[in-house]
């Protein structure tokens, strides 16, 4: 058992490198996907300030994910060059965590963007309470107005004239 554990600890830099590369690949895919299909979005939605702002934030997060992944791989190379590599070094842990956090924030922006494009409204609009009906110009409540209204209904025993 201890031999298996030491083998896994020896491969931990490889595992970190693989995870870093996979996250970088996903971030690159999101960037390529959103840029490629942006022209398919209807013009009025594409010119929306909210949509543009979300796109810019998404692209910023995904770009930061890719750059921090590159920095993680460079730092990991420096750690492997040492006689006793330490993947738990504070600088390596920080930049790797930064990469995962920026990817997560980018995923949230991607979800918000998708919700807005599919429904035509921002996701928070679905959570808003329904608007109240406009006030009555006379100042009376709806119940008072309904009670004052006269409705002419024919009586059941009345026959309409021929």
C-alpha atoms as a PDB file:
ATOM      1  CA  UNK A   1       0.000   0.000   0.000  1.00  0.00           C
ATOM      2  CA  UNK A   2       2.711   2.572   0.831  1.00  0.00           C
ATOM      3  CA  UNK A   3       4.399   1.816  -2.494  1.00  0.00           C
ATOM      4  CA  UNK A   4       1.182   2.571  -4.415  1.00  0.00           C
ATOM      5  CA  UNK A   5       0.761   5.810  -2.471  1.00  0.00           C
ATOM      6  CA  UNK A   6       4.307   6.931  -3.268  1.00  0.00           C
ATOM      7  CA  UNK A   7       3.750   6.130  -6.955  1.00  0.00           C
ATOM      8  CA  UNK A   8       0.580   8.261  -6.964  1.00  0.00           C
ATOM      9  CA  UNK A   9       2.405  11.103  -5.213  1.00  0.00           C
ATOM     10  CA  UNK A  10       5.106  10.890  -7.856  1.00  0.00           C
ATOM     11  CA  UNK A  11       2.452  11.233 -10.571  1.00  0.00           C
ATOM     12  CA  UNK A  12       0.651  14.140  -8.921  1.00  0.00           C
ATOM     13  CA  UNK A  13       2.408  16.740 -11.122  1.00  0.00           C
ATOM     14  CA  UNK A  14       1.122  14.832 -14.148  1.00  0.00           C
ATOM     15  CA  UNK A  15      -2.408  14.840 -12.738  1.00  0.00           C
ATOM     16  CA  UNK A  16      -2.246  18.592 -12.088  1.00  0.00           C
ATOM     17  CA  UNK A  17      -0.939  19.189 -15.612  1.00  0.00           C
ATOM     18  CA  UNK A  18      -3.750  17.092 -17.096  1.00  0.00           C
ATOM     19  CA  UNK A  19      -6.472  18.909 -15.160  1.00  0.00           C
ATOM     20  CA  UNK A  20      -4.959  22.271 -16.098  1.00  0.00           C
ATOM     21  CA  UNK A  21      -4.875  21.327 -19.789  1.00  0.00           C
ATOM     22  CA  UNK A  22      -8.465  20.077 -19.709  1.00  0.00           C
ATOM     23  CA  UNK A  23      -9.749  23.291 -18.152  1.00  0.00           C
ATOM     24  CA  UNK A  24      -7.758  25.323 -20.691  1.00  0.00           C
ATOM     25  CA  UNK A  25      -9.283  23.255 -23.509  1.00  0.00           C
ATOM     26  CA  UNK A  26     -12.820  23.814 -22.202  1.00  0.00           C
ATOM     27  CA  UNK A  27     -12.216  27.568 -21.861  1.00  0.00           C
ATOM     28  CA  UNK A  28     -10.833  27.734 -25.393  1.00  0.00           C
ATOM     29  CA  UNK A  29     -13.874  25.821 -26.661  1.00  0.00           C
ATOM     30  CA  UNK A  30     -16.251  28.256 -24.964  1.00  0.00           C
ATOM     31  CA  UNK A  31     -14.405  31.209 -26.521  1.00  0.00           C
ATOM     32  CA  UNK A  32     -14.458  29.689 -30.000  1.00  0.00           C
ATOM     33  CA  UNK A  33     -18.111  28.647 -29.672  1.00  0.00           C
ATOM     34  CA  UNK A  34     -19.355  32.061 -28.534  1.00  0.00           C
ATOM     35  CA  UNK A  35     -17.333  33.971 -31.132  1.00  0.00           C
ATOM     36  CA  UNK A  36     -18.357  31.634 -33.961  1.00  0.00           C
ATOM     37  CA  UNK A  37     -22.083  31.680 -33.248  1.00  0.00           C
ATOM     38  CA  UNK A  38     -22.354  35.350 -32.301  1.00  0.00           C
ATOM     39  CA  UNK A  39     -23.395  36.196 -35.858  1.00  0.00           C
ATOM     40  CA  UNK A  40     -26.376  33.806 -35.527  1.00  0.00           C
ATOM     41  CA  UNK A  41     -27.837  35.924 -32.709  1.00  0.00           C
ATOM     42  CA  UNK A  42     -30.586  38.278 -33.945  1.00  0.00           C
ATOM     43  CA  UNK A  43     -29.368  41.832 -34.497  1.00  0.00           C
ATOM     44  CA  UNK A  44     -31.610  43.451 -31.866  1.00  0.00           C
ATOM     45  CA  UNK A  45     -30.336  41.035 -29.205  1.00  0.00           C
ATOM     46  CA  UNK A  46     -26.734  41.423 -30.368  1.00  0.00           C
ATOM     47  CA  UNK A  47     -26.947  45.201 -29.904  1.00  0.00           C
ATOM     48  CA  UNK A  48     -28.278  44.864 -26.356  1.00  0.00           C
ATOM     49  CA  UNK A  49     -25.987  46.510 -23.806  1.00  0.00           C
ATOM     50  CA  UNK A  50     -26.613  43.757 -21.265  1.00  0.00           C
ATOM     51  CA  UNK A  51     -25.711  41.020 -23.768  1.00  0.00           C
ATOM     52  CA  UNK A  52     -22.526  42.810 -24.809  1.00  0.00           C
ATOM     53  CA  UNK A  53     -21.526  43.308 -21.187  1.00  0.00           C
ATOM     54  CA  UNK A  54     -22.070  39.618 -20.404  1.00  0.00           C
ATOM     55  CA  UNK A  55     -20.134  38.568 -23.481  1.00  0.00           C
ATOM     56  CA  UNK A  56     -17.197  40.784 -22.545  1.00  0.00           C
ATOM     57  CA  UNK A  57     -17.181  39.420 -18.990  1.00  0.00           C
ATOM     58  CA  UNK A  58     -17.415  35.853 -20.268  1.00  0.00           C
ATOM     59  CA  UNK A  59     -14.524  36.374 -22.673  1.00  0.00           C
ATOM     60  CA  UNK A  60     -12.468  38.073 -19.972  1.00  0.00           C
ATOM     61  CA  UNK A  61     -13.012  35.147 -17.585  1.00  0.00           C
ATOM     62  CA  UNK A  62     -12.190  32.550 -20.222  1.00  0.00           C
ATOM     63  CA  UNK A  63      -9.083  34.479 -21.320  1.00  0.00           C
ATOM     64  CA  UNK A  64      -7.947  34.699 -17.690  1.00  0.00           C
ATOM     65  CA  UNK A  65      -8.551  30.955 -17.367  1.00  0.00           C
ATOM     66  CA  UNK A  66      -6.328  30.213 -20.346  1.00  0.00           C
ATOM     67  CA  UNK A  67      -3.548  32.582 -19.222  1.00  0.00           C
ATOM     68  CA  UNK A  68      -3.568  31.314 -15.635  1.00  0.00           C
ATOM     69  CA  UNK A  69      -3.452  27.758 -17.007  1.00  0.00           C
ATOM     70  CA  UNK A  70      -0.320  28.629 -18.961  1.00  0.00           C
ATOM     71  CA  UNK A  71       1.242  30.160 -15.863  1.00  0.00           C
ATOM     72  CA  UNK A  72       0.289  27.054 -13.858  1.00  0.00           C
ATOM     73  CA  UNK A  73       1.996  24.800 -16.403  1.00  0.00           C
ATOM     74  CA  UNK A  74       5.118  26.990 -16.365  1.00  0.00           C
ATOM     75  CA  UNK A  75       5.254  26.959 -12.568  1.00  0.00           C
ATOM     76  CA  UNK A  76       4.678  23.221 -12.551  1.00  0.00           C
ATOM     77  CA  UNK A  77       7.608  22.780 -14.926  1.00  0.00           C
ATOM     78  CA  UNK A  78       9.774  24.704 -12.481  1.00  0.00           C
ATOM     79  CA  UNK A  79       8.610  22.473  -9.629  1.00  0.00           C
ATOM     80  CA  UNK A  80       9.285  19.265 -11.559  1.00  0.00           C
ATOM     81  CA  UNK A  81      12.820  20.494 -12.314  1.00  0.00           C
ATOM     82  CA  UNK A  82      13.537  20.467  -8.572  1.00  0.00           C
ATOM     83  CA  UNK A  83      14.763  17.278  -6.940  1.00  0.00           C
ATOM     84  CA  UNK A  84      11.623  17.128  -4.737  1.00  0.00           C
ATOM     85  CA  UNK A  85       8.664  18.646  -6.636  1.00  0.00           C
ATOM     86  CA  UNK A  86       5.977  20.191  -4.454  1.00  0.00           C
ATOM     87  CA  UNK A  87       2.644  20.749  -6.161  1.00  0.00           C
ATOM     88  CA  UNK A  88       1.357  22.247  -2.908  1.00  0.00           C
ATOM     89  CA  UNK A  89       3.676  25.259  -3.129  1.00  0.00           C
ATOM     90  CA  UNK A  90       1.635  28.399  -2.274  1.00  0.00           C
ATOM     91  CA  UNK A  91       2.251  30.141  -5.599  1.00  0.00           C
ATOM     92  CA  UNK A  92       1.232  27.053  -7.588  1.00  0.00           C
ATOM     93  CA  UNK A  93      -1.852  26.469  -5.464  1.00  0.00           C
ATOM     94  CA  UNK A  94      -2.915  30.111  -5.827  1.00  0.00           C
ATOM     95  CA  UNK A  95      -2.618  30.295  -9.614  1.00  0.00           C
ATOM     96  CA  UNK A  96      -4.252  26.892 -10.080  1.00  0.00           C
ATOM     97  CA  UNK A  97      -7.159  27.885  -7.822  1.00  0.00           C
ATOM     98  CA  UNK A  98      -7.421  31.199  -9.701  1.00  0.00           C
ATOM     99  CA  UNK A  99      -7.753  29.258 -12.948  1.00  0.00           C
ATOM    100  CA  UNK A 100     -10.584  27.125 -11.579  1.00  0.00           C
ATOM    101  CA  UNK A 101     -12.411  30.110 -10.075  1.00  0.00           C
ATOM    102  CA  UNK A 102     -12.244  32.158 -13.284  1.00  0.00           C
ATOM    103  CA  UNK A 103     -13.500  29.158 -15.240  1.00  0.00           C
ATOM    104  CA  UNK A 104     -16.401  28.756 -12.799  1.00  0.00           C
ATOM    105  CA  UNK A 105     -17.334  32.439 -13.016  1.00  0.00           C
ATOM    106  CA  UNK A 106     -17.149  32.188 -16.804  1.00  0.00           C
ATOM    107  CA  UNK A 107     -19.479  29.187 -16.704  1.00  0.00           C
ATOM    108  CA  UNK A 108     -22.003  31.257 -14.730  1.00  0.00           C
ATOM    109  CA  UNK A 109     -21.792  34.047 -17.320  1.00  0.00           C
ATOM    110  CA  UNK A 110     -22.248  31.480 -20.078  1.00  0.00           C
ATOM    111  CA  UNK A 111     -25.391  30.168 -18.359  1.00  0.00           C
ATOM    112  CA  UNK A 112     -26.770  33.709 -17.928  1.00  0.00           C
ATOM    113  CA  UNK A 113     -25.995  34.477 -21.563  1.00  0.00           C
ATOM    114  CA  UNK A 114     -27.731  31.302 -22.727  1.00  0.00           C
ATOM    115  CA  UNK A 115     -30.805  32.057 -20.618  1.00  0.00           C
ATOM    116  CA  UNK A 116     -31.057  35.547 -22.066  1.00  0.00           C
ATOM    117  CA  UNK A 117     -30.619  34.366 -25.653  1.00  0.00           C
ATOM    118  CA  UNK A 118     -33.145  31.543 -25.351  1.00  0.00           C
ATOM    119  CA  UNK A 119     -35.873  33.445 -23.497  1.00  0.00           C
ATOM    120  CA  UNK A 120     -35.251  36.935 -24.849  1.00  0.00           C
ATOM    121  CA  UNK A 121     -35.143  38.373 -21.339  1.00  0.00           C
ATOM    122  CA  UNK A 122     -32.569  38.342 -18.554  1.00  0.00           C
ATOM    123  CA  UNK A 123     -32.855  35.458 -16.042  1.00  0.00           C
ATOM    124  CA  UNK A 124     -33.693  37.874 -13.216  1.00  0.00           C
ATOM    125  CA  UNK A 125     -36.818  39.093 -15.069  1.00  0.00           C
ATOM    126  CA  UNK A 126     -38.421  35.669 -14.607  1.00  0.00           C
ATOM    127  CA  UNK A 127     -37.981  36.005 -10.837  1.00  0.00           C
ATOM    128  CA  UNK A 128     -39.557  39.475 -10.615  1.00  0.00           C
ATOM    129  CA  UNK A 129     -43.076  39.729  -9.200  1.00  0.00           C
ATOM    130  CA  UNK A 130     -45.826  40.505 -11.730  1.00  0.00           C
ATOM    131  CA  UNK A 131     -46.543  44.158 -12.326  1.00  0.00           C
ATOM    132  CA  UNK A 132     -49.576  45.644 -10.603  1.00  0.00           C
ATOM    133  CA  UNK A 133     -52.462  46.798 -12.809  1.00  0.00           C
ATOM    134  CA  UNK A 134     -52.483  50.511 -13.596  1.00  0.00           C
ATOM    135  CA  UNK A 135     -54.416  52.688 -11.139  1.00  0.00           C
ATOM    136  CA  UNK A 136     -57.989  53.669 -11.908  1.00  0.00           C
ATOM    137  CA  UNK A 137     -58.120  57.290 -13.204  1.00  0.00           C
ATOM    138  CA  UNK A 138     -61.071  58.082 -10.908  1.00  0.00           C
ATOM    139  CA  UNK A 139     -59.122  56.979  -7.870  1.00  0.00           C
ATOM    140  CA  UNK A 140     -61.660  54.292  -6.949  1.00  0.00           C
ATOM    141  CA  UNK A 141     -60.572  50.754  -6.240  1.00  0.00           C
ATOM    142  CA  UNK A 142     -61.414  47.948  -8.656  1.00  0.00           C
ATOM    143  CA  UNK A 143     -64.031  46.547  -6.233  1.00  0.00           C
ATOM    144  CA  UNK A 144     -65.812  49.926  -5.943  1.00  0.00           C
ATOM    145  CA  UNK A 145     -65.854  50.355  -9.699  1.00  0.00           C
ATOM    146  CA  UNK A 146     -67.296  46.865 -10.207  1.00  0.00           C
ATOM    147  CA  UNK A 147     -70.061  47.424  -7.638  1.00  0.00           C
ATOM    148  CA  UNK A 148     -71.150  50.698  -9.304  1.00  0.00           C
ATOM    149  CA  UNK A 149     -71.262  49.248 -12.776  1.00  0.00           C
ATOM    150  CA  UNK A 150     -74.737  48.551 -14.070  1.00  0.00           C
ATOM    151  CA  UNK A 151     -75.121  45.498 -16.182  1.00  0.00           C
ATOM    152  CA  UNK A 152     -78.335  45.016 -18.151  1.00  0.00           C
ATOM    153  CA  UNK A 153     -79.083  41.313 -18.266  1.00  0.00           C
ATOM    154  CA  UNK A 154     -82.394  39.986 -19.604  1.00  0.00           C
ATOM    155  CA  UNK A 155     -84.646  38.431 -16.996  1.00  0.00           C
ATOM    156  CA  UNK A 156     -85.369  34.737 -17.449  1.00  0.00           C
ATOM    157  CA  UNK A 157     -89.141  35.253 -17.971  1.00  0.00           C
ATOM    158  CA  UNK A 158     -88.776  38.020 -20.500  1.00  0.00           C
ATOM    159  CA  UNK A 159     -89.043  37.150 -24.118  1.00  0.00           C
ATOM    160  CA  UNK A 160     -87.399  39.422 -26.605  1.00  0.00           C
ATOM    161  CA  UNK A 161     -89.824  41.244 -28.908  1.00  0.00           C
ATOM    162  CA  UNK A 162     -90.291  39.640 -32.326  1.00  0.00           C
END
